[in-house]
């Protein structure tokens, strides 16, 4: 869905999603498009702010 949005020329200010979709693969995919993501994270997630 993200690739299709990019192909159609959609340039979001941010991709907003529920914690259910905040897997590492999804977050990396959003970042690879040059987009910013906004989500809540589950308690058991460890975040590295440097990457």
C-alpha atoms as a PDB file:
ATOM      1  CA  UNK A   1       0.000   0.000   0.000  1.00  0.00           C
ATOM      2  CA  UNK A   2       2.863   2.362   0.801  1.00  0.00           C
ATOM      3  CA  UNK A   3       4.551   1.701  -2.547  1.00  0.00           C
ATOM      4  CA  UNK A   4       1.272   2.342  -4.373  1.00  0.00           C
ATOM      5  CA  UNK A   5       0.782   5.631  -2.517  1.00  0.00           C
ATOM      6  CA  UNK A   6       4.297   6.733  -3.468  1.00  0.00           C
ATOM      7  CA  UNK A   7       3.753   5.642  -7.084  1.00  0.00           C
ATOM      8  CA  UNK A   8       0.592   7.761  -7.223  1.00  0.00           C
ATOM      9  CA  UNK A   9       2.540  10.788  -6.030  1.00  0.00           C
ATOM     10  CA  UNK A  10       1.132  10.989  -2.523  1.00  0.00           C
ATOM     11  CA  UNK A  11       3.563  12.812  -0.236  1.00  0.00           C
ATOM     12  CA  UNK A  12       2.218  12.675   3.331  1.00  0.00           C
ATOM     13  CA  UNK A  13       3.427  14.955   6.113  1.00  0.00           C
ATOM     14  CA  UNK A  14       3.426  11.816   8.270  1.00  0.00           C
ATOM     15  CA  UNK A  15       2.132   8.262   8.179  1.00  0.00           C
ATOM     16  CA  UNK A  16      -0.067   7.776  11.249  1.00  0.00           C
ATOM     17  CA  UNK A  17      -0.943   4.292  12.452  1.00  0.00           C
ATOM     18  CA  UNK A  18      -2.051   2.223  15.393  1.00  0.00           C
ATOM     19  CA  UNK A  19       0.515   0.266  17.431  1.00  0.00           C
ATOM     20  CA  UNK A  20      -0.731  -2.914  15.768  1.00  0.00           C
ATOM     21  CA  UNK A  21       1.086  -1.863  12.557  1.00  0.00           C
ATOM     22  CA  UNK A  22       4.282  -0.587  14.183  1.00  0.00           C
ATOM     23  CA  UNK A  23       6.480  -3.557  13.308  1.00  0.00           C
ATOM     24  CA  UNK A  24      10.121  -2.891  12.532  1.00  0.00           C
ATOM     25  CA  UNK A  25       9.598  -3.867   8.893  1.00  0.00           C
ATOM     26  CA  UNK A  26       6.735  -1.403   8.481  1.00  0.00           C
ATOM     27  CA  UNK A  27       8.640   1.429  10.146  1.00  0.00           C
ATOM     28  CA  UNK A  28      11.711   0.792   7.996  1.00  0.00           C
ATOM     29  CA  UNK A  29       9.545   0.682   4.877  1.00  0.00           C
ATOM     30  CA  UNK A  30       8.019   4.056   5.686  1.00  0.00           C
ATOM     31  CA  UNK A  31      11.457   5.515   6.369  1.00  0.00           C
ATOM     32  CA  UNK A  32      12.796   4.105   3.078  1.00  0.00           C
ATOM     33  CA  UNK A  33      10.202   6.225   1.257  1.00  0.00           C
ATOM     34  CA  UNK A  34      11.551   9.300   3.047  1.00  0.00           C
ATOM     35  CA  UNK A  35       8.402   9.684   5.125  1.00  0.00           C
ATOM     36  CA  UNK A  36       7.955  10.312   8.839  1.00  0.00           C
ATOM     37  CA  UNK A  37       5.851   7.947  10.933  1.00  0.00           C
ATOM     38  CA  UNK A  38       3.738   8.618  14.015  1.00  0.00           C
ATOM     39  CA  UNK A  39       2.468   5.745  16.136  1.00  0.00           C
ATOM     40  CA  UNK A  40       2.112   4.473  19.638  1.00  0.00           C
ATOM     41  CA  UNK A  41       4.363   1.617  20.651  1.00  0.00           C
ATOM     42  CA  UNK A  42       3.645  -1.356  22.835  1.00  0.00           C
ATOM     43  CA  UNK A  43       5.267  -1.441  26.260  1.00  0.00           C
ATOM     44  CA  UNK A  44       7.642  -4.226  25.307  1.00  0.00           C
ATOM     45  CA  UNK A  45       9.266  -2.313  22.405  1.00  0.00           C
ATOM     46  CA  UNK A  46      12.843  -1.073  22.663  1.00  0.00           C
ATOM     47  CA  UNK A  47      13.582   2.071  20.666  1.00  0.00           C
ATOM     48  CA  UNK A  48      16.965   3.196  19.389  1.00  0.00           C
ATOM     49  CA  UNK A  49      16.665   6.892  18.575  1.00  0.00           C
ATOM     50  CA  UNK A  50      19.987   6.929  16.692  1.00  0.00           C
ATOM     51  CA  UNK A  51      18.868   4.745  13.773  1.00  0.00           C
END
